[in-house]
């Protein structure tokens, strides 16, 4: 089963959230609509700024844990490599 690691942001260079899921569109929709109680809802973190696909959930979880240990600047660099304008990538998931 394919899995995704993703990063959400409140605004560019502000609060970030790193997560993992097997259904990226559904999970991001839940964050955007405030259906996920907790950190993302509390801090208004709704913008999908980076994601990465993995063939297995175990690999995605390992990658998520790795990214969560990173310094903030490394996460910014990772985001900007894929998404230099910090655009909301959720809007491109249906294309």
C-alpha atoms as a PDB file:
ATOM      1  CA  UNK A   1       0.000   0.000   0.000  1.00  0.00           C
ATOM      2  CA  UNK A   2       1.313   3.399  -1.013  1.00  0.00           C
ATOM      3  CA  UNK A   3       1.783   6.072   1.665  1.00  0.00           C
ATOM      4  CA  UNK A   4       2.531   9.784   1.788  1.00  0.00           C
ATOM      5  CA  UNK A   5       4.625  12.022   4.011  1.00  0.00           C
ATOM      6  CA  UNK A   6       3.479  15.630   3.963  1.00  0.00           C
ATOM      7  CA  UNK A   7       4.195  19.026   5.457  1.00  0.00           C
ATOM      8  CA  UNK A   8       1.527  21.624   6.198  1.00  0.00           C
ATOM      9  CA  UNK A   9       2.230  25.269   7.026  1.00  0.00           C
ATOM     10  CA  UNK A  10       0.233  28.043   8.651  1.00  0.00           C
ATOM     11  CA  UNK A  11       2.133  30.582   6.498  1.00  0.00           C
ATOM     12  CA  UNK A  12       5.519  30.591   4.768  1.00  0.00           C
ATOM     13  CA  UNK A  13       8.330  30.211   7.320  1.00  0.00           C
ATOM     14  CA  UNK A  14       5.938  29.884  10.240  1.00  0.00           C
ATOM     15  CA  UNK A  15       4.363  26.923  12.026  1.00  0.00           C
ATOM     16  CA  UNK A  16       4.870  23.546  10.313  1.00  0.00           C
ATOM     17  CA  UNK A  17       3.269  20.135  10.778  1.00  0.00           C
ATOM     18  CA  UNK A  18       4.686  16.898   9.369  1.00  0.00           C
ATOM     19  CA  UNK A  19       2.400  13.901   8.970  1.00  0.00           C
ATOM     20  CA  UNK A  20       1.933  10.559   7.229  1.00  0.00           C
ATOM     21  CA  UNK A  21      -1.131   9.014   5.566  1.00  0.00           C
ATOM     22  CA  UNK A  22      -2.254   6.441   3.020  1.00  0.00           C
ATOM     23  CA  UNK A  23      -4.876   8.816   1.555  1.00  0.00           C
ATOM     24  CA  UNK A  24      -3.306  12.224   0.976  1.00  0.00           C
ATOM     25  CA  UNK A  25      -6.336  14.044  -0.499  1.00  0.00           C
ATOM     26  CA  UNK A  26      -8.660  12.886   2.287  1.00  0.00           C
ATOM     27  CA  UNK A  27      -6.202  13.661   5.075  1.00  0.00           C
ATOM     28  CA  UNK A  28      -5.372  17.147   3.810  1.00  0.00           C
ATOM     29  CA  UNK A  29      -9.089  17.863   3.380  1.00  0.00           C
ATOM     30  CA  UNK A  30      -9.600  16.894   7.032  1.00  0.00           C
ATOM     31  CA  UNK A  31      -6.838  19.301   8.120  1.00  0.00           C
ATOM     32  CA  UNK A  32      -8.169  22.121   5.914  1.00  0.00           C
ATOM     33  CA  UNK A  33     -11.689  21.799   7.258  1.00  0.00           C
ATOM     34  CA  UNK A  34     -10.569  21.597  10.892  1.00  0.00           C
ATOM     35  CA  UNK A  35     -11.882  18.031  11.236  1.00  0.00           C
ATOM     36  CA  UNK A  36      -8.665  16.840  12.900  1.00  0.00           C
ATOM     37  CA  UNK A  37      -8.624  17.984  16.527  1.00  0.00           C
ATOM     38  CA  UNK A  38      -5.223  18.876  17.904  1.00  0.00           C
ATOM     39  CA  UNK A  39      -2.159  20.777  16.749  1.00  0.00           C
ATOM     40  CA  UNK A  40      -3.183  21.668  13.185  1.00  0.00           C
ATOM     41  CA  UNK A  41      -6.638  22.826  14.214  1.00  0.00           C
ATOM     42  CA  UNK A  42      -5.320  24.836  17.181  1.00  0.00           C
ATOM     43  CA  UNK A  43      -2.688  26.693  15.138  1.00  0.00           C
ATOM     44  CA  UNK A  44      -4.593  27.023  11.841  1.00  0.00           C
ATOM     45  CA  UNK A  45      -2.158  24.882   9.891  1.00  0.00           C
ATOM     46  CA  UNK A  46      -3.984  24.133   6.638  1.00  0.00           C
ATOM     47  CA  UNK A  47      -1.684  24.733   3.661  1.00  0.00           C
ATOM     48  CA  UNK A  48      -0.089  21.698   1.989  1.00  0.00           C
ATOM     49  CA  UNK A  49       3.416  22.871   1.038  1.00  0.00           C
ATOM     50  CA  UNK A  50       5.280  19.577   0.463  1.00  0.00           C
ATOM     51  CA  UNK A  51       4.593  15.858   0.002  1.00  0.00           C
ATOM     52  CA  UNK A  52       6.422  12.696  -0.935  1.00  0.00           C
ATOM     53  CA  UNK A  53       5.145   9.251  -1.956  1.00  0.00           C
ATOM     54  CA  UNK A  54       6.513   5.960  -0.586  1.00  0.00           C
ATOM     55  CA  UNK A  55       5.688   2.425  -1.740  1.00  0.00           C
ATOM     56  CA  UNK A  56       5.096   1.178   1.808  1.00  0.00           C
ATOM     57  CA  UNK A  57       3.736   2.721   5.003  1.00  0.00           C
ATOM     58  CA  UNK A  58       6.797   1.641   7.001  1.00  0.00           C
ATOM     59  CA  UNK A  59       9.090   3.661   4.719  1.00  0.00           C
ATOM     60  CA  UNK A  60       6.801   6.684   4.990  1.00  0.00           C
ATOM     61  CA  UNK A  61       6.750   6.498   8.789  1.00  0.00           C
ATOM     62  CA  UNK A  62      10.553   6.254   8.875  1.00  0.00           C
ATOM     63  CA  UNK A  63      10.821   9.320   6.628  1.00  0.00           C
ATOM     64  CA  UNK A  64       8.270  11.255   8.713  1.00  0.00           C
ATOM     65  CA  UNK A  65      10.256  10.580  11.884  1.00  0.00           C
ATOM     66  CA  UNK A  66      13.469  11.632  10.142  1.00  0.00           C
ATOM     67  CA  UNK A  67      11.978  14.955   8.986  1.00  0.00           C
ATOM     68  CA  UNK A  68      10.464  15.656  12.409  1.00  0.00           C
ATOM     69  CA  UNK A  69      13.985  15.528  13.906  1.00  0.00           C
ATOM     70  CA  UNK A  70      15.347  18.026  11.376  1.00  0.00           C
ATOM     71  CA  UNK A  71      16.165  21.658  12.053  1.00  0.00           C
ATOM     72  CA  UNK A  72      13.544  24.131  10.832  1.00  0.00           C
ATOM     73  CA  UNK A  73      15.834  25.504   8.102  1.00  0.00           C
ATOM     74  CA  UNK A  74      16.292  22.001   6.644  1.00  0.00           C
ATOM     75  CA  UNK A  75      12.503  21.668   6.426  1.00  0.00           C
ATOM     76  CA  UNK A  76      12.276  25.093   4.742  1.00  0.00           C
ATOM     77  CA  UNK A  77      14.925  23.993   2.241  1.00  0.00           C
ATOM     78  CA  UNK A  78      13.046  20.745   1.538  1.00  0.00           C
ATOM     79  CA  UNK A  79       9.802  22.650   0.943  1.00  0.00           C
ATOM     80  CA  UNK A  80      11.445  25.231  -1.308  1.00  0.00           C
ATOM     81  CA  UNK A  81      13.071  22.558  -3.450  1.00  0.00           C
ATOM     82  CA  UNK A  82       9.591  21.327  -4.457  1.00  0.00           C
ATOM     83  CA  UNK A  83       7.548  24.476  -3.870  1.00  0.00           C
ATOM     84  CA  UNK A  84       9.648  27.676  -3.926  1.00  0.00           C
ATOM     85  CA  UNK A  85       6.570  29.954  -3.738  1.00  0.00           C
ATOM     86  CA  UNK A  86       5.028  28.040  -0.810  1.00  0.00           C
ATOM     87  CA  UNK A  87       1.830  27.576  -2.835  1.00  0.00           C
ATOM     88  CA  UNK A  88      -1.030  25.431  -1.568  1.00  0.00           C
ATOM     89  CA  UNK A  89      -0.357  22.118  -3.309  1.00  0.00           C
ATOM     90  CA  UNK A  90      -3.737  20.727  -2.243  1.00  0.00           C
ATOM     91  CA  UNK A  91      -5.218  22.610  -5.184  1.00  0.00           C
ATOM     92  CA  UNK A  92      -3.099  20.503  -7.582  1.00  0.00           C
ATOM     93  CA  UNK A  93      -3.961  17.089  -6.099  1.00  0.00           C
ATOM     94  CA  UNK A  94      -7.152  16.734  -8.168  1.00  0.00           C
ATOM     95  CA  UNK A  95      -5.405  17.440 -11.456  1.00  0.00           C
END
